[in-house]
N, C-alpha and C. Protein backbone atom coordinates (compact mmCIF):
# COMPACT_ATOMS: atom_id res chain seq x y z
N UNK A 1 115.91 116.95 118.41
CA UNK A 1 115.69 115.75 119.17
C UNK A 1 114.19 115.38 119.19
N UNK A 2 113.34 116.39 119.27
CA UNK A 2 111.89 116.15 119.28
C UNK A 2 111.46 115.48 117.98
N UNK A 3 111.98 115.98 116.88
CA UNK A 3 111.61 115.44 115.57
C UNK A 3 112.03 113.98 115.46
N UNK A 4 113.24 113.69 115.88
CA UNK A 4 113.76 112.33 115.80
C UNK A 4 112.95 111.36 116.66
N UNK A 5 112.68 111.75 117.90
CA UNK A 5 111.93 110.86 118.80
C UNK A 5 110.49 110.65 118.32
N UNK A 6 109.84 111.71 117.86
CA UNK A 6 108.47 111.57 117.37
C UNK A 6 108.43 110.72 116.10
N UNK A 7 109.44 110.85 115.25
CA UNK A 7 109.48 110.04 114.04
C UNK A 7 109.70 108.56 114.38
N UNK A 8 110.50 108.29 115.40
CA UNK A 8 110.70 106.90 115.83
C UNK A 8 109.40 106.32 116.37
N UNK A 9 108.64 107.12 117.12
CA UNK A 9 107.32 106.67 117.58
C UNK A 9 106.42 106.42 116.37
N UNK A 10 106.50 107.28 115.37
CA UNK A 10 105.72 107.08 114.14
C UNK A 10 106.09 105.80 113.42
N UNK A 11 107.37 105.46 113.41
CA UNK A 11 107.80 104.19 112.80
C UNK A 11 107.18 103.02 113.55
N UNK A 12 107.24 103.07 114.87
CA UNK A 12 106.70 101.97 115.68
C UNK A 12 105.19 101.82 115.48
N UNK A 13 104.47 102.94 115.50
CA UNK A 13 103.01 102.89 115.34
C UNK A 13 102.63 102.40 113.95
N UNK A 14 103.32 102.92 112.93
CA UNK A 14 102.97 102.50 111.56
C UNK A 14 103.37 101.05 111.29
N UNK A 15 104.47 100.59 111.90
CA UNK A 15 104.84 99.17 111.75
C UNK A 15 103.80 98.28 112.42
N UNK A 16 103.32 98.70 113.59
CA UNK A 16 102.26 97.93 114.26
C UNK A 16 101.01 97.88 113.39
N UNK A 17 100.62 99.03 112.84
CA UNK A 17 99.43 99.07 111.99
C UNK A 17 99.58 98.20 110.75
N UNK A 18 100.79 98.12 110.22
CA UNK A 18 101.03 97.32 109.02
C UNK A 18 101.05 95.83 109.34
N UNK A 19 101.57 95.45 110.52
CA UNK A 19 101.78 94.04 110.84
C UNK A 19 100.64 93.39 111.63
N UNK A 20 99.95 94.15 112.48
CA UNK A 20 98.91 93.57 113.33
C UNK A 20 97.65 93.28 112.50
N UNK A 21 97.11 92.06 112.63
CA UNK A 21 95.98 91.67 111.78
C UNK A 21 94.66 92.36 112.09
N UNK A 22 94.49 92.93 113.27
CA UNK A 22 93.19 93.49 113.63
C UNK A 22 93.08 95.00 113.44
N UNK A 23 94.07 95.62 112.80
CA UNK A 23 94.02 97.07 112.63
C UNK A 23 93.14 97.49 111.46
N UNK A 24 92.88 96.60 110.53
CA UNK A 24 92.07 96.93 109.37
C UNK A 24 92.89 97.51 108.22
N UNK A 25 94.14 97.87 108.49
CA UNK A 25 95.00 98.41 107.43
C UNK A 25 96.26 97.57 107.29
N UNK A 26 96.26 96.40 107.91
CA UNK A 26 97.47 95.55 107.86
C UNK A 26 97.73 95.10 106.43
N UNK A 27 99.00 95.20 106.05
CA UNK A 27 99.43 94.74 104.73
C UNK A 27 99.05 95.64 103.57
N UNK A 28 98.48 96.81 103.85
CA UNK A 28 98.07 97.69 102.75
C UNK A 28 99.24 98.55 102.27
N UNK A 29 99.21 98.95 101.01
CA UNK A 29 100.28 99.81 100.50
C UNK A 29 100.36 101.16 101.23
N UNK A 30 99.22 101.68 101.65
CA UNK A 30 99.22 102.96 102.38
C UNK A 30 99.94 102.86 103.71
N UNK A 31 99.73 101.77 104.42
CA UNK A 31 100.42 101.57 105.70
C UNK A 31 101.91 101.41 105.49
N UNK A 32 102.30 100.74 104.42
CA UNK A 32 103.73 100.59 104.10
C UNK A 32 104.34 101.93 103.73
N UNK A 33 103.62 102.74 102.99
CA UNK A 33 104.10 104.06 102.61
C UNK A 33 104.34 104.93 103.84
N UNK A 34 103.48 104.82 104.83
CA UNK A 34 103.63 105.60 106.05
C UNK A 34 104.86 105.14 106.84
N UNK A 35 105.17 103.85 106.80
CA UNK A 35 106.41 103.37 107.44
C UNK A 35 107.61 104.03 106.78
N UNK A 36 107.63 104.05 105.46
CA UNK A 36 108.75 104.64 104.73
C UNK A 36 108.85 106.14 105.01
N UNK A 37 107.72 106.84 105.01
CA UNK A 37 107.76 108.28 105.27
C UNK A 37 108.21 108.58 106.70
N UNK A 38 107.84 107.74 107.64
CA UNK A 38 108.29 107.93 109.02
C UNK A 38 109.79 107.69 109.15
N UNK A 39 110.31 106.72 108.42
CA UNK A 39 111.76 106.48 108.42
C UNK A 39 112.48 107.70 107.83
N UNK A 40 111.95 108.25 106.75
CA UNK A 40 112.56 109.43 106.15
C UNK A 40 112.50 110.64 107.08
N UNK A 41 111.42 110.77 107.85
CA UNK A 41 111.34 111.85 108.83
C UNK A 41 112.37 111.66 109.94
N UNK A 42 112.62 110.41 110.34
CA UNK A 42 113.64 110.15 111.35
C UNK A 42 115.03 110.51 110.83
N UNK A 43 115.31 110.19 109.58
CA UNK A 43 116.60 110.57 108.97
C UNK A 43 116.71 112.09 108.91
N UNK A 44 115.64 112.75 108.53
CA UNK A 44 115.61 114.21 108.48
C UNK A 44 115.89 114.80 109.86
N UNK A 45 115.23 114.27 110.87
CA UNK A 45 115.44 114.75 112.23
C UNK A 45 116.86 114.52 112.72
N UNK A 46 117.44 113.39 112.35
CA UNK A 46 118.81 113.08 112.75
C UNK A 46 119.79 114.07 112.11
N UNK A 47 119.61 114.35 110.83
CA UNK A 47 120.49 115.30 110.16
C UNK A 47 120.31 116.71 110.73
N UNK A 48 119.07 117.12 110.96
CA UNK A 48 118.83 118.46 111.51
C UNK A 48 119.39 118.59 112.92
N UNK A 49 119.43 117.50 113.67
CA UNK A 49 119.94 117.54 115.04
C UNK A 49 121.43 117.89 115.07
N UNK A 50 122.16 117.47 114.05
CA UNK A 50 123.60 117.73 114.01
C UNK A 50 123.93 119.09 113.40
N UNK A 51 122.94 119.85 113.02
CA UNK A 51 123.17 121.21 112.55
C UNK A 51 123.90 121.30 111.22
N UNK A 52 123.21 120.99 110.13
CA UNK A 52 123.85 121.09 108.81
C UNK A 52 124.10 122.55 108.43
N UNK A 53 124.84 122.79 107.36
CA UNK A 53 125.03 124.17 106.88
C UNK A 53 123.68 124.84 106.59
N UNK A 54 123.68 126.15 106.62
CA UNK A 54 122.43 126.92 106.55
C UNK A 54 121.55 126.56 105.35
N UNK A 55 122.10 126.49 104.16
CA UNK A 55 121.28 126.19 102.97
C UNK A 55 120.69 124.78 103.07
N UNK A 56 121.49 123.83 103.50
CA UNK A 56 121.01 122.45 103.65
C UNK A 56 119.95 122.37 104.75
N UNK A 57 120.11 123.16 105.81
CA UNK A 57 119.12 123.19 106.88
C UNK A 57 117.75 123.55 106.33
N UNK A 58 117.70 124.62 105.52
CA UNK A 58 116.41 125.06 105.01
C UNK A 58 115.80 124.07 104.03
N UNK A 59 116.62 123.43 103.22
CA UNK A 59 116.11 122.40 102.31
C UNK A 59 115.52 121.24 103.11
N UNK A 60 116.25 120.77 104.11
CA UNK A 60 115.77 119.65 104.93
C UNK A 60 114.58 120.05 105.78
N UNK A 61 114.54 121.29 106.23
CA UNK A 61 113.43 121.75 107.05
C UNK A 61 112.14 121.75 106.22
N UNK A 62 112.21 122.30 105.00
CA UNK A 62 111.02 122.33 104.13
C UNK A 62 110.60 120.90 103.78
N UNK A 63 111.56 120.03 103.45
CA UNK A 63 111.22 118.65 103.15
C UNK A 63 110.61 117.95 104.37
N UNK A 64 111.11 118.27 105.55
CA UNK A 64 110.54 117.71 106.78
C UNK A 64 109.10 118.15 106.99
N UNK A 65 108.83 119.42 106.77
CA UNK A 65 107.45 119.93 106.90
C UNK A 65 106.54 119.23 105.91
N UNK A 66 106.98 119.13 104.65
CA UNK A 66 106.16 118.45 103.64
C UNK A 66 105.96 116.98 103.98
N UNK A 67 107.01 116.32 104.47
CA UNK A 67 106.90 114.92 104.86
C UNK A 67 105.96 114.72 106.03
N UNK A 68 106.06 115.59 107.02
CA UNK A 68 105.18 115.47 108.19
C UNK A 68 103.72 115.75 107.82
N UNK A 69 103.50 116.74 106.96
CA UNK A 69 102.13 117.01 106.52
C UNK A 69 101.57 115.85 105.70
N UNK A 70 102.40 115.28 104.83
CA UNK A 70 101.97 114.12 104.05
C UNK A 70 101.68 112.91 104.92
N UNK A 71 102.54 112.68 105.91
CA UNK A 71 102.32 111.56 106.83
C UNK A 71 101.06 111.78 107.66
N UNK A 72 100.84 113.02 108.10
CA UNK A 72 99.64 113.35 108.86
C UNK A 72 98.39 113.08 108.03
N UNK A 73 98.42 113.50 106.75
CA UNK A 73 97.28 113.28 105.87
C UNK A 73 97.04 111.80 105.62
N UNK A 74 98.11 111.06 105.37
CA UNK A 74 97.97 109.61 105.16
C UNK A 74 97.42 108.93 106.41
N UNK A 75 97.89 109.35 107.57
CA UNK A 75 97.39 108.77 108.83
C UNK A 75 95.91 109.08 109.01
N UNK A 76 95.49 110.26 108.59
CA UNK A 76 94.09 110.62 108.67
C UNK A 76 93.25 109.69 107.79
N UNK A 77 93.70 109.46 106.55
CA UNK A 77 92.98 108.56 105.65
C UNK A 77 92.97 107.13 106.16
N UNK A 78 94.02 106.73 106.86
CA UNK A 78 94.11 105.36 107.39
C UNK A 78 93.44 105.22 108.76
N UNK A 79 92.93 106.31 109.31
CA UNK A 79 92.34 106.33 110.66
C UNK A 79 93.35 105.87 111.70
N UNK A 80 94.59 106.26 111.53
CA UNK A 80 95.68 105.92 112.46
C UNK A 80 95.91 107.13 113.36
N UNK A 81 95.10 107.24 114.41
CA UNK A 81 95.08 108.44 115.25
C UNK A 81 96.40 108.64 115.99
N UNK A 82 97.02 107.58 116.48
CA UNK A 82 98.30 107.72 117.18
C UNK A 82 99.39 108.19 116.23
N UNK A 83 99.33 107.77 114.99
CA UNK A 83 100.30 108.23 114.00
C UNK A 83 100.07 109.70 113.68
N UNK A 84 98.82 110.12 113.67
CA UNK A 84 98.53 111.55 113.48
C UNK A 84 99.13 112.37 114.61
N UNK A 85 99.03 111.86 115.83
CA UNK A 85 99.61 112.58 116.98
C UNK A 85 101.12 112.66 116.85
N UNK A 86 101.76 111.56 116.45
CA UNK A 86 103.22 111.57 116.27
C UNK A 86 103.62 112.55 115.17
N UNK A 87 102.86 112.61 114.10
CA UNK A 87 103.16 113.55 113.01
C UNK A 87 102.98 115.00 113.47
N UNK A 88 101.98 115.24 114.30
CA UNK A 88 101.78 116.59 114.84
C UNK A 88 102.96 117.00 115.72
N UNK A 89 103.49 116.06 116.49
CA UNK A 89 104.66 116.36 117.33
C UNK A 89 105.88 116.63 116.45
N UNK A 90 106.03 115.89 115.35
CA UNK A 90 107.12 116.17 114.40
C UNK A 90 106.99 117.59 113.86
N UNK A 91 105.79 117.98 113.47
CA UNK A 91 105.57 119.35 112.99
C UNK A 91 105.93 120.38 114.05
N UNK A 92 105.51 120.13 115.28
CA UNK A 92 105.85 121.05 116.37
C UNK A 92 107.36 121.10 116.59
N UNK A 93 108.00 119.95 116.52
CA UNK A 93 109.45 119.91 116.69
C UNK A 93 110.18 120.68 115.60
N UNK A 94 109.67 120.59 114.38
CA UNK A 94 110.28 121.35 113.29
C UNK A 94 110.10 122.84 113.49
N UNK A 95 108.96 123.24 114.01
CA UNK A 95 108.75 124.66 114.30
C UNK A 95 109.65 125.13 115.43
N UNK A 96 109.90 124.29 116.41
CA UNK A 96 110.79 124.64 117.52
C UNK A 96 112.21 124.90 117.03
N UNK A 97 112.62 124.21 115.97
CA UNK A 97 113.98 124.42 115.45
C UNK A 97 114.18 125.83 114.92
N UNK A 98 113.11 126.56 114.69
CA UNK A 98 113.22 127.93 114.20
C UNK A 98 113.37 128.95 115.32
N UNK A 99 113.11 128.54 116.55
CA UNK A 99 113.25 129.47 117.67
C UNK A 99 114.71 129.83 117.86
N UNK A 100 114.97 131.10 118.18
CA UNK A 100 116.37 131.47 118.42
C UNK A 100 116.89 130.82 119.69
N UNK A 101 118.16 130.45 119.65
CA UNK A 101 118.79 129.85 120.81
C UNK A 101 119.25 130.97 121.74
N UNK A 102 118.85 130.88 122.98
CA UNK A 102 119.24 131.90 123.96
C UNK A 102 120.23 131.28 124.92
N UNK A 103 121.29 131.99 125.15
CA UNK A 103 122.29 131.51 126.09
C UNK A 103 122.21 132.34 127.36
N UNK A 104 122.42 131.69 128.45
CA UNK A 104 122.41 132.39 129.73
C UNK A 104 123.67 133.23 129.84
N UNK A 105 123.50 134.47 130.20
CA UNK A 105 124.67 135.31 130.39
C UNK A 105 124.43 136.20 131.60
N UNK A 106 125.51 136.50 132.26
CA UNK A 106 125.46 137.39 133.42
C UNK A 106 125.64 138.81 132.91
N UNK A 107 124.87 139.72 133.47
CA UNK A 107 124.92 141.09 132.99
C UNK A 107 126.35 141.61 133.11
N UNK A 108 126.85 142.13 132.02
CA UNK A 108 128.20 142.67 132.01
C UNK A 108 129.24 141.66 131.57
N UNK A 109 128.88 140.38 131.48
CA UNK A 109 129.80 139.34 131.04
C UNK A 109 129.25 138.71 129.78
N UNK A 110 130.05 138.67 128.76
CA UNK A 110 129.59 138.07 127.50
C UNK A 110 130.23 136.77 127.28
């Protein structure tokens, strides 16, 4: 869920940067590329949220990490600081997906 929400924020920020005339990067191919990469991260987050099979999970997880790192780097070159923050949250969300799920249990009851 974290990955999906942060990617949606990334889409909004990158769309604003592409469309607003005073951002300095409006209408540039780099800003358009970041919109596309943010959309792909949102799709990745949506698929990971539904829990794909194990092999597909790892493929999508690695692609998500690469996509988030690429988006972070592009945002750095574009001086899009809010997009960098959203990409960092996507990276954190992807790392959270690796944490083991703990279920509450009462001692002696499984």
